Amino acid sequence: MKQDQKRAIQQYWLPAEKAGHEEAAYHLCHAYADAAPKLALGYCHKALRSYRKLRKADEDNRAIVAQLHQHISRLEALAR
């Protein structure tokens, strides 16, 4: 599983994030949460900014924003 996650980060999520794909920062936020909380926190904040900018604030996006807030709080506690 760790190898698959590393491959996903390197081959998919990092290139997608650099290309501006909104969901990539969200996935990186979770992927780095255990190994690098400060790095994960940066991606969580970036994902939060992206989801807040979306014009269509549907139920799914509101749930993602709420989940990101919870995840950010947890990561901030870990990063201290």
PDB file of N, CA and C in Angstrom:
ATOM      1  N   MET A   1       0.822  -1.195   0.000  1.00  0.00           N
ATOM      2  CA  MET A   1       0.000   0.000   0.000  1.00  0.00           C
ATOM      3  C   MET A   1       0.866   1.259   0.000  1.00  0.00           C
ATOM      4  N   LYS A   2       1.925   1.293   0.806  1.00  0.00           N
ATOM      5  CA  LYS A   2       2.790   2.469   0.849  1.00  0.00           C
ATOM      6  C   LYS A   2       3.382   2.750  -0.524  1.00  0.00           C
ATOM      7  N   GLN A   3       3.790   1.689  -1.233  1.00  0.00           N
ATOM      8  CA  GLN A   3       4.376   1.858  -2.560  1.00  0.00           C
ATOM      9  C   GLN A   3       3.361   2.454  -3.520  1.00  0.00           C
ATOM     10  N   ASP A   4       2.116   1.998  -3.450  1.00  0.00           N
ATOM     11  CA  ASP A   4       1.069   2.530  -4.310  1.00  0.00           C
ATOM     12  C   ASP A   4       0.808   4.000  -4.015  1.00  0.00           C
ATOM     13  N   GLN A   5       0.836   4.359  -2.735  1.00  0.00           N
ATOM     14  CA  GLN A   5       0.613   5.755  -2.367  1.00  0.00           C
ATOM     15  C   GLN A   5       1.764   6.622  -2.870  1.00  0.00           C
ATOM     16  N   LYS A   6       2.979   6.158  -2.707  1.00  0.00           N
ATOM     17  CA  LYS A   6       4.147   6.911  -3.187  1.00  0.00           C
ATOM     18  C   LYS A   6       4.071   7.095  -4.704  1.00  0.00           C
ATOM     19  N   ARG A   7       3.706   6.045  -5.397  1.00  0.00           N
ATOM     20  CA  ARG A   7       3.569   6.117  -6.860  1.00  0.00           C
ATOM     21  C   ARG A   7       2.460   7.080  -7.258  1.00  0.00           C
ATOM     22  N   ALA A   8       1.354   7.033  -6.545  1.00  0.00           N
ATOM     23  CA  ALA A   8       0.242   7.942  -6.843  1.00  0.00           C
ATOM     24  C   ALA A   8       0.668   9.387  -6.638  1.00  0.00           C
ATOM     25  N   ILE A   9       1.409   9.651  -5.564  1.00  0.00           N
ATOM     26  CA  ILE A   9       1.877  11.011  -5.291  1.00  0.00           C
ATOM     27  C   ILE A   9       2.783  11.485  -6.415  1.00  0.00           C
ATOM     28  N   GLN A  10       3.778  10.676  -6.753  1.00  0.00           N
ATOM     29  CA  GLN A  10       4.782  11.089  -7.730  1.00  0.00           C
ATOM     30  C   GLN A  10       4.260  11.135  -9.156  1.00  0.00           C
ATOM     31  N   GLN A  11       3.445  10.168  -9.530  1.00  0.00           N
ATOM     32  CA  GLN A  11       3.018  10.073 -10.923  1.00  0.00           C
ATOM     33  C   GLN A  11       1.716  10.789 -11.238  1.00  0.00           C
ATOM     34  N   TYR A  12       0.886  10.981 -10.233  1.00  0.00           N
ATOM     35  CA  TYR A  12      -0.434  11.546 -10.515  1.00  0.00           C
ATOM     36  C   TYR A  12      -0.712  12.851  -9.783  1.00  0.00           C
ATOM     37  N   TRP A  13      -0.655  12.830  -8.467  1.00  0.00           N
ATOM     38  CA  TRP A  13      -1.123  13.983  -7.705  1.00  0.00           C
ATOM     39  C   TRP A  13      -0.208  15.190  -7.798  1.00  0.00           C
ATOM     40  N   LEU A  14       1.122  15.006  -7.704  1.00  0.00           N
ATOM     41  CA  LEU A  14       2.026  16.157  -7.828  1.00  0.00           C
ATOM     42  C   LEU A  14       1.947  16.790  -9.218  1.00  0.00           C
ATOM     43  N   PRO A  15       2.016  15.999 -10.304  1.00  0.00           N
ATOM     44  CA  PRO A  15       1.864  16.614 -11.625  1.00  0.00           C
ATOM     45  C   PRO A  15       0.493  17.279 -11.825  1.00  0.00           C
ATOM     46  N   ALA A  16      -0.548  16.650 -11.304  1.00  0.00           N
ATOM     47  CA  ALA A  16      -1.891  17.231 -11.432  1.00  0.00           C
ATOM     48  C   ALA A  16      -1.990  18.534 -10.652  1.00  0.00           C
ATOM     49  N   GLU A  17      -1.379  18.573  -9.470  1.00  0.00           N
ATOM     50  CA  GLU A  17      -1.409  19.786  -8.650  1.00  0.00           C
ATOM     51  C   GLU A  17      -0.657  20.915  -9.350  1.00  0.00           C
ATOM     52  N   LYS A  18       0.481  20.589  -9.934  1.00  0.00           N
ATOM     53  CA  LYS A  18       1.246  21.597 -10.668  1.00  0.00           C
ATOM     54  C   LYS A  18       0.493  22.111 -11.884  1.00  0.00           C
ATOM     55  N   ALA A  19      -0.353  21.254 -12.450  1.00  0.00           N
ATOM     56  CA  ALA A  19      -1.160  21.639 -13.613  1.00  0.00           C
ATOM     57  C   ALA A  19      -2.416  22.416 -13.216  1.00  0.00           C
ATOM     58  N   GLY A  20      -2.659  22.538 -11.901  1.00  0.00           N
ATOM     59  CA  GLY A  20      -3.795  23.329 -11.441  1.00  0.00           C
ATOM     60  C   GLY A  20      -5.080  22.558 -11.188  1.00  0.00           C
ATOM     61  N   HIS A  21      -5.011  21.254 -11.131  1.00  0.00           N
ATOM     62  CA  HIS A  21      -6.209  20.455 -10.871  1.00  0.00           C
ATOM     63  C   HIS A  21      -6.644  20.647  -9.417  1.00  0.00           C
ATOM     64  N   GLU A  22      -7.886  21.038  -9.202  1.00  0.00           N
ATOM     65  CA  GLU A  22      -8.366  21.401  -7.874  1.00  0.00           C
ATOM     66  C   GLU A  22      -8.284  20.263  -6.857  1.00  0.00           C
ATOM     67  N   GLU A  23      -8.590  19.059  -7.264  1.00  0.00           N
ATOM     68  CA  GLU A  23      -8.643  17.948  -6.313  1.00  0.00           C
ATOM     69  C   GLU A  23      -7.271  17.428  -5.905  1.00  0.00           C
ATOM     70  N   ALA A  24      -6.238  17.716  -6.670  1.00  0.00           N
ATOM     71  CA  ALA A  24      -4.913  17.161  -6.389  1.00  0.00           C
ATOM     72  C   ALA A  24      -4.386  17.620  -5.034  1.00  0.00           C
ATOM     73  N   ALA A  25      -4.533  18.891  -4.702  1.00  0.00           N
ATOM     74  CA  ALA A  25      -4.064  19.386  -3.407  1.00  0.00           C
ATOM     75  C   ALA A  25      -4.812  18.685  -2.273  1.00  0.00           C
ATOM     76  N   TYR A  26      -6.077  18.410  -2.466  1.00  0.00           N
ATOM     77  CA  TYR A  26      -6.876  17.687  -1.478  1.00  0.00           C
ATOM     78  C   TYR A  26      -6.273  16.299  -1.225  1.00  0.00           C
ATOM     79  N   HIS A  27      -5.939  15.588  -2.301  1.00  0.00           N
ATOM     80  CA  HIS A  27      -5.369  14.252  -2.164  1.00  0.00           C
ATOM     81  C   HIS A  27      -3.979  14.311  -1.532  1.00  0.00           C
ATOM     82  N   LEU A  28      -3.183  15.304  -1.898  1.00  0.00           N
ATOM     83  CA  LEU A  28      -1.854  15.460  -1.308  1.00  0.00           C
ATOM     84  C   LEU A  28      -1.955  15.794   0.178  1.00  0.00           C
ATOM     85  N   CYS A  29      -2.945  16.558   0.537  1.00  0.00           N
ATOM     86  CA  CYS A  29      -3.204  16.885   1.932  1.00  0.00           C
ATOM     87  C   CYS A  29      -3.339  15.603   2.750  1.00  0.00           C
ATOM     88  N   HIS A  30      -4.088  14.665   2.246  1.00  0.00           N
ATOM     89  CA  HIS A  30      -4.300  13.402   2.955  1.00  0.00           C
ATOM     90  C   HIS A  30      -3.104  12.462   2.827  1.00  0.00           C
ATOM     91  N   ALA A  31      -2.476  12.458   1.675  1.00  0.00           N
ATOM     92  CA  ALA A  31      -1.369  11.537   1.452  1.00  0.00           C
ATOM     93  C   ALA A  31      -0.176  11.837   2.354  1.00  0.00           C
ATOM     94  N   TYR A  32       0.069  13.102   2.619  1.00  0.00           N
ATOM     95  CA  TYR A  32       1.217  13.495   3.437  1.00  0.00           C
ATOM     96  C   TYR A  32       0.882  13.635   4.924  1.00  0.00           C
ATOM     97  N   ALA A  33      -0.343  13.447   5.310  1.00  0.00           N
ATOM     98  CA  ALA A  33      -0.791  13.723   6.676  1.00  0.00           C
ATOM     99  C   ALA A  33       0.024  13.008   7.750  1.00  0.00           C
ATOM    100  N   ASP A  34       0.314  11.752   7.576  1.00  0.00           N
ATOM    101  CA  ASP A  34       1.024  11.001   8.611  1.00  0.00           C
ATOM    102  C   ASP A  34       2.533  11.223   8.569  1.00  0.00           C
ATOM    103  N   ALA A  35       3.101  11.255   7.380  1.00  0.00           N
ATOM    104  CA  ALA A  35       4.554  11.326   7.245  1.00  0.00           C
ATOM    105  C   ALA A  35       5.104  12.749   7.349  1.00  0.00           C
ATOM    106  N   ALA A  36       4.347  13.722   6.873  1.00  0.00           N
ATOM    107  CA  ALA A  36       4.838  15.104   6.838  1.00  0.00           C
ATOM    108  C   ALA A  36       3.686  16.071   7.112  1.00  0.00           C
ATOM    109  N   PRO A  37       3.263  16.202   8.375  1.00  0.00           N
ATOM    110  CA  PRO A  37       2.098  17.027   8.697  1.00  0.00           C
ATOM    111  C   PRO A  37       2.200  18.486   8.235  1.00  0.00           C
ATOM    112  N   LYS A  38       3.386  19.078   8.317  1.00  0.00           N
ATOM    113  CA  LYS A  38       3.519  20.481   7.884  1.00  0.00           C
ATOM    114  C   LYS A  38       3.328  20.615   6.379  1.00  0.00           C
ATOM    115  N   LEU A  39       3.875  19.684   5.619  1.00  0.00           N
ATOM    116  CA  LEU A  39       3.676  19.679   4.171  1.00  0.00           C
ATOM    117  C   LEU A  39       2.208  19.449   3.851  1.00  0.00           C
ATOM    118  N   ALA A  40       1.611  18.493   4.543  1.00  0.00           N
ATOM    119  CA  ALA A  40       0.188  18.203   4.351  1.00  0.00           C
ATOM    120  C   ALA A  40      -0.654  19.434   4.648  1.00  0.00           C
ATOM    121  N   LEU A  41      -0.296  20.160   5.684  1.00  0.00           N
ATOM    122  CA  LEU A  41      -1.047  21.352   6.070  1.00  0.00           C
ATOM    123  C   LEU A  41      -1.052  22.384   4.944  1.00  0.00           C
ATOM    124  N   GLY A  42       0.079  22.556   4.296  1.00  0.00           N
ATOM    125  CA  GLY A  42       0.149  23.487   3.162  1.00  0.00           C
ATOM    126  C   GLY A  42      -0.781  23.070   2.043  1.00  0.00           C
ATOM    127  N   TYR A  43      -0.799  21.790   1.727  1.00  0.00           N
ATOM    128  CA  TYR A  43      -1.697  21.309   0.677  1.00  0.00           C
ATOM    129  C   TYR A  43      -3.154  21.409   1.105  1.00  0.00           C
ATOM    130  N   CYS A  44      -3.434  21.208   2.385  1.00  0.00           N
ATOM    131  CA  CYS A  44      -4.811  21.347   2.878  1.00  0.00           C
ATOM    132  C   CYS A  44      -5.301  22.786   2.710  1.00  0.00           C
ATOM    133  N   HIS A  45      -4.449  23.733   3.061  1.00  0.00           N
ATOM    134  CA  HIS A  45      -4.835  25.143   2.904  1.00  0.00           C
ATOM    135  C   HIS A  45      -5.031  25.498   1.432  1.00  0.00           C
ATOM    136  N   LYS A  46      -4.170  24.973   0.582  1.00  0.00           N
ATOM    137  CA  LYS A  46      -4.316  25.225  -0.852  1.00  0.00           C
ATOM    138  C   LYS A  46      -5.620  24.619  -1.372  1.00  0.00           C
ATOM    139  N   ALA A  47      -5.922  23.407  -0.942  1.00  0.00           N
ATOM    140  CA  ALA A  47      -7.173  22.762  -1.353  1.00  0.00           C
ATOM    141  C   ALA A  47      -8.375  23.554  -0.861  1.00  0.00           C
ATOM    142  N   LEU A  48      -8.304  24.041   0.364  1.00  0.00           N
ATOM    143  CA  LEU A  48      -9.404  24.828   0.921  1.00  0.00           C
ATOM    144  C   LEU A  48      -9.640  26.094   0.100  1.00  0.00           C
ATOM    145  N   ARG A  49      -8.557  26.772  -0.263  1.00  0.00           N
ATOM    146  CA  ARG A  49      -8.700  27.975  -1.107  1.00  0.00           C
ATOM    147  C   ARG A  49      -9.344  27.624  -2.444  1.00  0.00           C
ATOM    148  N   SER A  50      -8.930  26.505  -3.039  1.00  0.00           N
ATOM    149  CA  SER A  50      -9.490  26.089  -4.323  1.00  0.00           C
ATOM    150  C   SER A  50     -10.982  25.797  -4.229  1.00  0.00           C
ATOM    151  N   TYR A  51     -11.369  25.064  -3.199  1.00  0.00           N
ATOM    152  CA  TYR A  51     -12.786  24.716  -3.056  1.00  0.00           C
ATOM    153  C   TYR A  51     -13.634  25.940  -2.710  1.00  0.00           C
ATOM    154  N   ARG A  52     -13.081  26.888  -2.008  1.00  0.00           N
ATOM    155  CA  ARG A  52     -13.828  28.109  -1.701  1.00  0.00           C
ATOM    156  C   ARG A  52     -14.065  28.958  -2.945  1.00  0.00           C
ATOM    157  N   LYS A  53     -13.162  28.867  -3.919  1.00  0.00           N
ATOM    158  CA  LYS A  53     -13.281  29.662  -5.141  1.00  0.00           C
ATOM    159  C   LYS A  53     -14.289  29.089  -6.131  1.00  0.00           C
ATOM    160  N   LEU A  54     -14.633  27.832  -5.965  1.00  0.00           N
ATOM    161  CA  LEU A  54     -15.561  27.208  -6.907  1.00  0.00           C
ATOM    162  C   LEU A  54     -16.892  27.941  -6.901  1.00  0.00           C
ATOM    163  N   ARG A  55     -17.377  28.211  -8.065  1.00  0.00           N
ATOM    164  CA  ARG A  55     -18.653  28.940  -8.171  1.00  0.00           C
ATOM    165  C   ARG A  55     -19.830  28.085  -7.736  1.00  0.00           C
ATOM    166  N   LYS A  56     -19.745  26.825  -8.021  1.00  0.00           N
ATOM    167  CA  LYS A  56     -20.835  25.909  -7.689  1.00  0.00           C
ATOM    168  C   LYS A  56     -20.585  25.336  -6.294  1.00  0.00           C
ATOM    169  N   ALA A  57     -21.201  25.920  -5.302  1.00  0.00           N
ATOM    170  CA  ALA A  57     -21.044  25.455  -3.918  1.00  0.00           C
ATOM    171  C   ALA A  57     -22.130  24.433  -3.610  1.00  0.00           C
ATOM    172  N   ASP A  58     -22.007  23.251  -4.219  1.00  0.00           N
ATOM    173  CA  ASP A  58     -23.019  22.224  -3.984  1.00  0.00           C
ATOM    174  C   ASP A  58     -22.753  21.505  -2.661  1.00  0.00           C
ATOM    175  N   GLU A  59     -23.608  20.572  -2.352  1.00  0.00           N
ATOM    176  CA  GLU A  59     -23.520  19.864  -1.070  1.00  0.00           C
ATOM    177  C   GLU A  59     -22.189  19.118  -0.923  1.00  0.00           C
ATOM    178  N   ASP A  60     -21.723  18.501  -2.006  1.00  0.00           N
ATOM    179  CA  ASP A  60     -20.452  17.779  -1.949  1.00  0.00           C
ATOM    180  C   ASP A  60     -19.294  18.715  -1.618  1.00  0.00           C
ATOM    181  N   ASN A  61     -19.250  19.872  -2.265  1.00  0.00           N
ATOM    182  CA  ASN A  61     -18.176  20.829  -2.014  1.00  0.00           C
ATOM    183  C   ASN A  61     -18.234  21.381  -0.596  1.00  0.00           C
ATOM    184  N   ARG A  62     -19.428  21.635  -0.094  1.00  0.00           N
ATOM    185  CA  ARG A  62     -19.558  22.109   1.287  1.00  0.00           C
ATOM    186  C   ARG A  62     -19.069  21.050   2.263  1.00  0.00           C
ATOM    187  N   ALA A  63     -19.342  19.791   1.972  1.00  0.00           N
ATOM    188  CA  ALA A  63     -18.879  18.699   2.832  1.00  0.00           C
ATOM    189  C   ALA A  63     -17.354  18.590   2.787  1.00  0.00           C
ATOM    190  N   ILE A  64     -16.772  18.780   1.615  1.00  0.00           N
ATOM    191  CA  ILE A  64     -15.310  18.736   1.482  1.00  0.00           C
ATOM    192  C   ILE A  64     -14.673  19.883   2.258  1.00  0.00           C
ATOM    193  N   VAL A  65     -15.242  21.074   2.166  1.00  0.00           N
ATOM    194  CA  VAL A  65     -14.715  22.230   2.902  1.00  0.00           C
ATOM    195  C   VAL A  65     -14.785  21.962   4.406  1.00  0.00           C
ATOM    196  N   ALA A  66     -15.876  21.433   4.880  1.00  0.00           N
ATOM    197  CA  ALA A  66     -16.003  21.113   6.310  1.00  0.00           C
ATOM    198  C   ALA A  66     -14.982  20.062   6.726  1.00  0.00           C
ATOM    199  N   GLN A  67     -14.803  19.060   5.893  1.00  0.00           N
ATOM    200  CA  GLN A  67     -13.840  18.011   6.184  1.00  0.00           C
ATOM    201  C   GLN A  67     -12.420  18.577   6.194  1.00  0.00           C
ATOM    202  N   LEU A  68     -12.107  19.477   5.271  1.00  0.00           N
ATOM    203  CA  LEU A  68     -10.787  20.105   5.241  1.00  0.00           C
ATOM    204  C   LEU A  68     -10.533  20.917   6.507  1.00  0.00           C
ATOM    205  N   HIS A  69     -11.530  21.629   6.981  1.00  0.00           N
ATOM    206  CA  HIS A  69     -11.375  22.384   8.231  1.00  0.00           C
ATOM    207  C   HIS A  69     -11.018  21.448   9.386  1.00  0.00           C
ATOM    208  N   GLN A  70     -11.680  20.314   9.466  1.00  0.00           N
ATOM    209  CA  GLN A  70     -11.391  19.350  10.528  1.00  0.00           C
ATOM    210  C   GLN A  70      -9.974  18.784  10.386  1.00  0.00           C
ATOM    211  N   HIS A  71      -9.610  18.475   9.166  1.00  0.00           N
ATOM    212  CA  HIS A  71      -8.293  17.904   8.910  1.00  0.00           C
ATOM    213  C   HIS A  71      -7.193  18.932   9.235  1.00  0.00           C
ATOM    214  N   ILE A  72      -7.427  20.185   8.874  1.00  0.00           N
ATOM    215  CA  ILE A  72      -6.467  21.248   9.166  1.00  0.00           C
ATOM    216  C   ILE A  72      -6.281  21.397  10.672  1.00  0.00           C
ATOM    217  N   SER A  73      -7.359  21.353  11.418  1.00  0.00           N
ATOM    218  CA  SER A  73      -7.261  21.456  12.879  1.00  0.00           C
ATOM    219  C   SER A  73      -6.420  20.321  13.452  1.00  0.00           C
ATOM    220  N   ARG A  74      -6.625  19.123  12.957  1.00  0.00           N
ATOM    221  CA  ARG A  74      -5.864  17.970  13.423  1.00  0.00           C
ATOM    222  C   ARG A  74      -4.388  18.109  13.067  1.00  0.00           C
ATOM    223  N   LEU A  75      -4.096  18.535  11.834  1.00  0.00           N
ATOM    224  CA  LEU A  75      -2.715  18.684  11.400  1.00  0.00           C
ATOM    225  C   LEU A  75      -2.000  19.805  12.147  1.00  0.00           C
ATOM    226  N   GLU A  76      -2.718  20.887  12.438  1.00  0.00           N
ATOM    227  CA  GLU A  76      -2.111  21.974  13.195  1.00  0.00           C
ATOM    228  C   GLU A  76      -1.715  21.509  14.591  1.00  0.00           C
ATOM    229  N   ALA A  77      -2.533  20.661  15.181  1.00  0.00           N
ATOM    230  CA  ALA A  77      -2.199  20.112  16.498  1.00  0.00           C
ATOM    231  C   ALA A  77      -0.971  19.202  16.406  1.00  0.00           C
ATOM    232  N   LEU A  78      -0.859  18.425  15.348  1.00  0.00           N
ATOM    233  CA  LEU A  78       0.294  17.544  15.159  1.00  0.00           C
ATOM    234  C   LEU A  78       1.583  18.326  14.873  1.00  0.00           C
ATOM    235  N   ALA A  79       1.433  19.428  14.167  1.00  0.00           N
ATOM    236  CA  ALA A  79       2.600  20.208  13.740  1.00  0.00           C
ATOM    237  C   ALA A  79       3.210  21.006  14.878  1.00  0.00           C
ATOM    238  N   ARG A  80       2.518  21.152  15.972  1.00  0.00           N
ATOM    239  CA  ARG A  80       3.029  21.950  17.108  1.00  0.00           C
ATOM    240  C   ARG A  80       4.129  21.256  17.831  1.00  0.00           C
TER     241      ARG A  80
END
